[in-house]
Amino acid sequence: MPPADIASQERELRARIANGSQIPDDYRSLSQLCYAAGRFEESERILREAVRLPLPDLSRALLLSALGSYVLEAKVGTGEPLSLAEESLALTQGRETIDALIARADAESLIARCVWETDRERGLRSAASAASLYAQLMRSEAPLEKRVLYDLRSSAAFLEVLLGHTSDAIGLYEAAKETAEGVERFVCRLWLGAEYREAGRLPQAREELATILKSDDAPPWLLLKACYALGSVEDEMGKLPEARAKFRRALAIMEDYPAFRERERMFLDCLSWAAGISQDLGDFEEAAELIKTLADLAPDEPFRWHCMVRSAQCAFELGRYEVALEAILFT
C-alpha cells in the first residue's frame, strides 16, 4: 500500500485531471508518482494521453519534453525522444514568458541528452542554451512557486551532471533539496548521493542515501535505486557487511516487484555485487549460490563463462575440488 500522503496526492491529481486540468504539472506529477511506484506502463500512458489533449501550446511543449525524457530513460532509443524535444522546442519559438523559457530550456536539455553520444557539437550547443536559460530563470525576480523552483534547480543540476561539472551539480541539488516536497525529496537525495560519490565525498553520499532507506514513505522504485547506490558507496568505503545487506535488500525488492527486474539490468548487477562481497567476506556458500543464479540468468556466453570461473573459485575454497574441476572444464 502506498503511504497515506502519497496516496492522497495521487487522488487529488487524478481528480484535477478528470476535471479537465490544463496544468502540465498535474500530468507530470501523476506520471512521476506512478513511475516511482513501479507502475511504468501507467506512467507512460498518462503522458501519452496528455500530449493528445487540446492543451495550450506551452502546456503541450512541457508535456512533450516530459514524455521524451521518460522514453529516453526507458533506454529504447533516442529517435522518438529527439523528435518530441524538437516538436516541443518549435512550440516555444517567438515567446519570452516564464513558461516559454522553462519549456524551451527543458526541450534544449532533452535534445542535448539525445544527441550527446552521436553529435557532441550539437549536444554542447543545446546544453549551453539550456544552461543559460535555467540560469536566467533562477535569477529572475518573478515570484516562482516552490515546485517550479525545484524543477529549475534539479533540471539545471541534471544538465551539469551531463557536462561533468560535479561541483556545480552538487550546489544545485543542495539548493533543490530545500524546496523539494513529496516524492521529489527522495529523487533529489538520490541524485545528490550520486554526485557526492562522484566527488569522493562518501560519508555525505552515504548519509543522503541512508535517509531514503530510513523513510517510511519512500516509493519502492526509489528504495531500490537507493539500496543499489548505497551498497556501492559502502562497498567503496570498505563496509562490506553493510554493503551486502543493501544489495540483499535490493534483490528482495525486485522479487516483490517483478516489473523492476524486467526494466533494468540491476538484478544481475546486484547478484554479482553481492556475490563478490560474499567472496571477499569468505562466505563462499552464499557466493556460490548467488553465482549459480547469475549463471542461470546469463544474457550471453561470455557472461556465463565468467560465472563458471567464479563458481570454480568458490568450489575450490569450499574444498569441493571435483565441482571446481567440472566448472573449469565447462569454460
Protein backbone atom coordinates (compact mmCIF):
# COMPACT_ATOMS: atom_id res chain seq x y z
CA MET A 1 0.00 0.00 0.00
CA PRO A 2 1.33 3.47 -0.79
CA PRO A 3 1.91 5.83 2.14
CA ALA A 4 -1.13 7.93 3.05
CA ASP A 5 0.25 11.29 1.92
CA ILE A 6 1.35 9.96 -1.48
CA ALA A 7 -1.96 8.16 -1.98
CA SER A 8 -3.78 11.39 -1.10
CA GLN A 9 -1.65 13.36 -3.55
CA GLU A 10 -2.43 10.82 -6.29
CA ARG A 11 -6.18 11.04 -5.65
CA GLU A 12 -6.04 14.84 -5.78
CA LEU A 13 -4.11 14.83 -9.07
CA ARG A 14 -6.49 12.32 -10.64
CA ALA A 15 -9.46 14.44 -9.60
CA ARG A 16 -7.95 17.57 -11.15
CA ILE A 17 -7.16 15.76 -14.39
CA ALA A 18 -10.65 14.26 -14.51
CA ASN A 19 -12.00 17.81 -14.27
CA GLY A 20 -10.03 18.81 -17.38
CA SER A 21 -6.89 20.33 -15.86
CA GLN A 22 -4.71 22.22 -18.33
CA ILE A 23 -1.81 22.43 -15.88
CA PRO A 24 1.14 20.36 -17.19
CA ASP A 25 2.47 19.71 -13.69
CA ASP A 26 -0.70 17.79 -12.80
CA TYR A 27 0.05 15.24 -15.52
CA ARG A 28 3.79 15.21 -14.93
CA SER A 29 3.36 14.78 -11.18
CA LEU A 30 0.88 11.95 -11.54
CA SER A 31 3.17 10.23 -14.04
CA GLN A 32 6.09 10.64 -11.66
CA LEU A 33 4.12 9.12 -8.78
CA CYS A 34 3.22 6.10 -10.89
CA TYR A 35 6.81 5.75 -12.06
CA ALA A 36 8.18 5.90 -8.51
CA ALA A 37 5.73 3.15 -7.52
CA GLY A 38 6.94 0.96 -10.39
CA ARG A 39 3.78 1.38 -12.47
CA PHE A 40 5.79 2.15 -15.58
CA GLU A 41 3.18 1.47 -18.25
CA GLU A 42 0.64 3.66 -16.47
CA SER A 43 3.23 6.40 -16.05
CA GLU A 44 3.91 6.46 -19.78
CA ARG A 45 0.23 6.22 -20.69
CA ILE A 46 -0.60 9.31 -18.63
CA LEU A 47 1.91 11.39 -20.59
CA ARG A 48 0.95 9.99 -23.98
CA GLU A 49 -2.71 10.71 -23.33
CA ALA A 50 -1.85 14.20 -22.07
CA VAL A 51 0.04 15.24 -25.23
CA ARG A 52 -3.03 14.33 -27.30
CA LEU A 53 -5.29 16.68 -25.35
CA PRO A 54 -6.28 20.11 -26.78
CA LEU A 55 -3.95 21.99 -24.44
CA PRO A 56 -2.30 25.40 -24.97
CA ASP A 57 0.99 25.26 -26.90
CA LEU A 58 3.26 25.84 -23.90
CA SER A 59 1.48 23.22 -21.79
CA ARG A 60 1.86 20.77 -24.64
CA ALA A 61 5.53 21.71 -25.04
CA LEU A 62 6.26 20.90 -21.40
CA LEU A 63 4.45 17.56 -21.67
CA LEU A 64 6.25 16.63 -24.89
CA SER A 65 9.60 17.06 -23.14
CA ALA A 66 8.37 15.10 -20.11
CA LEU A 67 7.31 12.23 -22.37
CA GLY A 68 10.60 12.41 -24.25
CA SER A 69 12.56 12.19 -21.01
CA TYR A 70 10.52 9.18 -19.97
CA VAL A 71 11.15 7.35 -23.24
CA LEU A 72 14.86 8.21 -23.12
CA GLU A 73 15.08 6.91 -19.55
CA ALA A 74 13.50 3.65 -20.69
CA LYS A 75 16.51 3.13 -22.99
CA VAL A 76 14.52 2.24 -26.09
CA GLY A 77 16.43 4.57 -28.43
CA THR A 78 16.80 8.29 -28.99
CA GLY A 79 14.72 8.73 -32.15
CA GLU A 80 11.34 9.36 -30.55
CA PRO A 81 12.69 11.44 -27.62
CA LEU A 82 14.60 13.69 -30.05
CA SER A 83 11.52 14.15 -32.23
CA LEU A 84 9.43 15.04 -29.17
CA ALA A 85 12.07 17.52 -27.98
CA GLU A 86 12.25 19.23 -31.36
CA GLU A 87 8.46 19.49 -31.52
CA SER A 88 8.44 20.97 -28.03
CA LEU A 89 11.15 23.49 -28.94
CA ALA A 90 9.22 24.63 -32.02
CA LEU A 91 6.17 25.42 -29.88
CA THR A 92 8.19 27.89 -27.78
CA GLN A 93 9.60 29.99 -30.61
CA GLY A 94 8.71 33.68 -30.52
CA ARG A 95 7.59 33.53 -26.88
CA GLU A 96 9.51 35.00 -23.98
CA THR A 97 7.25 34.37 -20.98
CA ILE A 98 8.48 32.46 -17.94
CA ASP A 99 6.58 29.35 -19.07
CA ALA A 100 8.02 29.61 -22.57
CA LEU A 101 11.58 29.89 -21.26
CA ILE A 102 11.07 26.87 -18.99
CA ALA A 103 9.66 24.81 -21.85
CA ARG A 104 12.49 25.91 -24.15
CA ALA A 105 15.14 25.04 -21.56
CA ASP A 106 13.60 21.60 -20.98
CA ALA A 107 13.47 20.92 -24.73
CA GLU A 108 17.09 22.01 -25.29
CA SER A 109 18.23 19.89 -22.34
CA LEU A 110 16.44 16.86 -23.75
CA ILE A 111 17.98 17.44 -27.18
CA ALA A 112 21.44 17.58 -25.58
CA ARG A 113 20.87 14.26 -23.83
CA CYS A 114 19.53 12.62 -27.00
CA VAL A 115 22.45 13.57 -29.26
CA TRP A 116 25.26 13.59 -26.69
CA GLU A 117 26.86 10.36 -27.91
CA THR A 118 26.20 10.84 -31.64
CA ASP A 119 26.55 14.58 -32.27
CA ARG A 120 28.58 16.11 -29.46
CA GLU A 121 28.81 19.51 -31.15
CA ARG A 122 25.03 19.85 -31.29
CA GLY A 123 24.77 18.40 -27.80
CA LEU A 124 27.09 21.05 -26.41
CA ARG A 125 25.15 23.83 -28.18
CA SER A 126 21.84 22.63 -26.78
CA ALA A 127 23.33 22.09 -23.33
CA ALA A 128 24.77 25.61 -23.30
CA SER A 129 21.43 27.05 -24.41
CA ALA A 130 19.54 25.13 -21.72
CA ALA A 131 22.07 26.06 -19.01
CA SER A 132 21.80 29.74 -19.95
CA LEU A 133 18.00 29.63 -19.84
CA TYR A 134 17.92 27.86 -16.47
CA ALA A 135 20.37 30.41 -15.05
CA GLN A 136 18.28 33.28 -16.41
CA LEU A 137 15.13 31.83 -14.87
CA MET A 138 16.74 31.24 -11.47
CA ARG A 139 17.98 34.85 -11.44
CA SER A 140 14.55 36.16 -12.36
CA GLU A 141 12.81 38.45 -9.90
CA ALA A 142 9.45 36.98 -10.88
CA PRO A 143 7.80 35.10 -8.00
CA LEU A 144 8.13 31.34 -8.58
CA GLU A 145 6.23 28.57 -6.85
CA LYS A 146 8.28 26.09 -4.81
CA ARG A 147 7.59 23.30 -7.30
CA VAL A 148 8.75 25.44 -10.22
CA LEU A 149 11.88 26.47 -8.35
CA TYR A 150 12.62 22.84 -7.51
CA ASP A 151 12.18 21.83 -11.15
CA LEU A 152 14.52 24.58 -12.34
CA ARG A 153 17.26 23.72 -9.85
CA SER A 154 17.06 19.96 -10.33
CA SER A 155 16.88 20.26 -14.13
CA ALA A 156 19.89 22.58 -14.16
CA ALA A 157 21.73 20.17 -11.87
CA PHE A 158 20.99 17.23 -14.15
CA LEU A 159 22.43 19.22 -17.04
CA GLU A 160 25.62 19.91 -15.06
CA VAL A 161 25.92 16.16 -14.45
CA LEU A 162 25.81 15.62 -18.22
CA LEU A 163 28.53 18.23 -18.68
CA GLY A 164 30.67 16.63 -15.98
CA HIS A 165 30.51 19.67 -13.68
CA THR A 166 30.15 17.73 -10.42
CA SER A 167 30.68 20.63 -8.05
CA ASP A 168 28.06 22.79 -9.81
CA ALA A 169 25.64 19.87 -9.87
CA ILE A 170 26.05 19.36 -6.12
CA GLY A 171 25.36 23.03 -5.39
CA LEU A 172 22.18 22.96 -7.47
CA TYR A 173 20.94 19.69 -5.96
CA GLU A 174 21.59 21.05 -2.46
CA ALA A 175 19.52 24.11 -3.35
CA ALA A 176 16.81 21.95 -4.92
CA LYS A 177 16.56 19.86 -1.75
CA GLU A 178 15.44 22.98 0.12
CA THR A 179 12.28 23.25 -1.99
CA ALA A 180 11.64 19.53 -2.62
CA GLU A 181 8.34 18.04 -1.49
CA GLY A 182 6.72 14.62 -1.72
CA VAL A 183 8.50 12.14 -4.00
CA GLU A 184 10.87 14.92 -5.06
CA ARG A 185 12.57 14.72 -1.64
CA PHE A 186 13.78 11.21 -2.42
CA VAL A 187 14.65 11.87 -6.06
CA CYS A 188 16.79 14.82 -5.04
CA ARG A 189 18.61 12.87 -2.30
CA LEU A 190 19.24 10.02 -4.73
CA TRP A 191 20.91 12.29 -7.28
CA LEU A 192 22.75 14.24 -4.60
CA GLY A 193 24.11 10.99 -3.18
CA ALA A 194 25.36 10.01 -6.63
CA GLU A 195 27.16 13.33 -7.09
CA TYR A 196 28.69 13.26 -3.60
CA ARG A 197 30.09 9.84 -4.50
CA GLU A 198 31.42 11.18 -7.81
CA ALA A 199 33.19 13.93 -5.86
CA GLY A 200 34.69 11.42 -3.41
CA ARG A 201 32.54 12.68 -0.54
CA LEU A 202 31.50 9.18 0.51
CA PRO A 203 30.25 9.89 4.08
CA GLN A 204 27.89 12.56 2.73
CA ALA A 205 26.76 10.27 -0.07
CA ARG A 206 26.05 7.57 2.48
CA GLU A 207 24.06 9.94 4.67
CA GLU A 208 21.83 11.16 1.83
CA LEU A 209 21.09 7.65 0.56
CA ALA A 210 20.57 6.18 4.04
CA THR A 211 17.95 8.85 4.72
CA ILE A 212 15.86 7.44 1.88
CA LEU A 213 16.05 3.91 3.28
CA LYS A 214 15.05 5.09 6.75
CA SER A 215 11.91 6.76 5.46
CA ASP A 216 8.51 5.11 5.83
CA ASP A 217 7.09 6.76 2.72
CA ALA A 218 9.76 6.30 0.04
CA PRO A 219 8.21 4.60 -3.03
CA PRO A 220 9.59 1.14 -3.89
CA TRP A 221 11.34 2.14 -7.13
CA LEU A 222 13.32 4.84 -5.33
CA LEU A 223 14.03 2.46 -2.43
CA LEU A 224 15.52 0.05 -4.95
CA LYS A 225 17.68 2.76 -6.53
CA ALA A 226 18.82 3.94 -3.10
CA CYS A 227 19.72 0.40 -1.98
CA TYR A 228 21.81 -0.12 -5.08
CA ALA A 229 23.55 3.25 -4.79
CA LEU A 230 24.18 2.94 -1.05
CA GLY A 231 25.51 -0.60 -1.44
CA SER A 232 28.07 0.64 -3.96
CA VAL A 233 29.06 3.54 -1.69
CA GLU A 234 29.51 1.30 1.37
CA ASP A 235 31.49 -1.20 -0.69
CA GLU A 236 33.81 1.63 -1.73
CA MET A 237 34.11 2.65 1.94
CA GLY A 238 35.12 -0.90 2.88
CA LYS A 239 31.92 -1.51 4.86
CA LEU A 240 31.35 -4.89 3.27
CA PRO A 241 28.68 -6.44 5.55
CA GLU A 242 26.60 -3.26 5.34
CA ALA A 243 27.04 -3.12 1.55
CA ARG A 244 25.97 -6.73 1.12
CA ALA A 245 22.88 -6.07 3.23
CA LYS A 246 21.87 -3.27 0.83
CA PHE A 247 22.25 -5.49 -2.23
CA ARG A 248 20.27 -8.22 -0.48
CA ARG A 249 17.52 -5.71 0.21
CA ALA A 250 17.58 -4.55 -3.40
CA LEU A 251 17.18 -8.17 -4.56
CA ALA A 252 14.26 -8.64 -2.16
CA ILE A 253 12.53 -5.53 -3.55
CA MET A 254 12.92 -6.85 -7.09
CA GLU A 255 11.42 -10.18 -6.03
CA ASP A 256 8.38 -8.29 -4.71
CA TYR A 257 8.15 -6.14 -7.87
CA PRO A 258 8.96 -8.27 -10.95
CA ALA A 259 8.46 -5.26 -13.24
CA PHE A 260 11.66 -3.79 -11.79
CA ARG A 261 13.66 -6.81 -12.96
CA GLU A 262 12.26 -6.50 -16.47
CA ARG A 263 13.12 -2.83 -16.75
CA GLU A 264 16.75 -2.79 -15.70
CA ARG A 265 19.84 -4.99 -15.59
CA MET A 266 20.10 -4.03 -11.95
CA PHE A 267 19.04 -7.52 -10.80
CA LEU A 268 22.12 -9.10 -12.38
CA ASP A 269 24.32 -6.30 -11.08
CA CYS A 270 23.02 -6.76 -7.52
CA LEU A 271 23.54 -10.52 -7.69
CA SER A 272 27.07 -10.05 -8.98
CA TRP A 273 27.95 -7.40 -6.41
CA ALA A 274 26.51 -9.40 -3.50
CA ALA A 275 28.37 -12.50 -4.69
CA GLY A 276 31.66 -10.61 -4.93
CA ILE A 277 31.27 -9.18 -1.44
CA SER A 278 30.41 -12.63 -0.08
CA GLN A 279 33.62 -13.95 -1.60
CA ASP A 280 35.58 -11.09 -0.04
CA LEU A 281 33.99 -11.90 3.34
CA GLY A 282 34.87 -15.58 2.98
CA ASP A 283 31.22 -16.61 2.76
CA PHE A 284 31.73 -18.94 -0.20
CA GLU A 285 28.49 -20.86 0.37
CA GLU A 286 26.37 -17.75 -0.27
CA ALA A 287 28.68 -16.59 -3.05
CA ALA A 288 28.32 -19.95 -4.82
CA GLU A 289 24.54 -19.83 -4.54
CA LEU A 290 24.37 -16.29 -5.94
CA ILE A 291 26.77 -17.11 -8.76
CA LYS A 292 24.68 -20.14 -9.74
CA THR A 293 21.64 -17.86 -10.06
CA LEU A 294 23.74 -15.46 -12.13
CA ALA A 295 24.84 -18.25 -14.45
CA ASP A 296 21.26 -19.41 -14.93
CA LEU A 297 20.26 -15.87 -15.95
CA ALA A 298 23.36 -15.14 -18.04
CA PRO A 299 22.40 -12.99 -21.04
CA ASP A 300 25.27 -14.31 -23.18
CA GLU A 301 28.04 -16.90 -23.27
CA PRO A 302 30.92 -14.60 -22.15
CA PHE A 303 28.88 -13.65 -19.06
CA ARG A 304 28.12 -17.33 -18.35
CA TRP A 305 31.80 -18.23 -18.83
CA HIS A 306 32.75 -15.57 -16.25
CA CYS A 307 30.18 -17.02 -13.82
CA MET A 308 31.64 -20.51 -14.20
CA VAL A 309 35.13 -19.21 -13.39
CA ARG A 310 33.78 -17.59 -10.23
CA SER A 311 31.87 -20.77 -9.40
CA ALA A 312 35.08 -22.79 -9.68
CA GLN A 313 36.84 -20.38 -7.31
CA CYS A 314 34.09 -20.79 -4.69
CA ALA A 315 34.05 -24.58 -5.05
CA PHE A 316 37.84 -24.69 -4.60
CA GLU A 317 37.65 -22.57 -1.43
CA LEU A 318 34.96 -24.92 -0.07
CA GLY A 319 37.11 -27.96 -0.78
CA ARG A 320 34.80 -29.23 -3.50
CA TYR A 321 37.59 -29.96 -5.93
CA GLU A 322 35.62 -32.15 -8.32
CA VAL A 323 32.95 -29.44 -8.66
CA ALA A 324 35.68 -26.84 -9.23
CA LEU A 325 37.30 -29.02 -11.92
CA GLU A 326 33.93 -29.57 -13.62
CA ALA A 327 33.31 -25.80 -13.70
CA ILE A 328 36.76 -25.17 -15.14
CA LEU A 329 36.34 -27.84 -17.82
CA PHE A 330 32.97 -26.29 -18.75
CA THR A 331 34.71 -23.00 -19.50
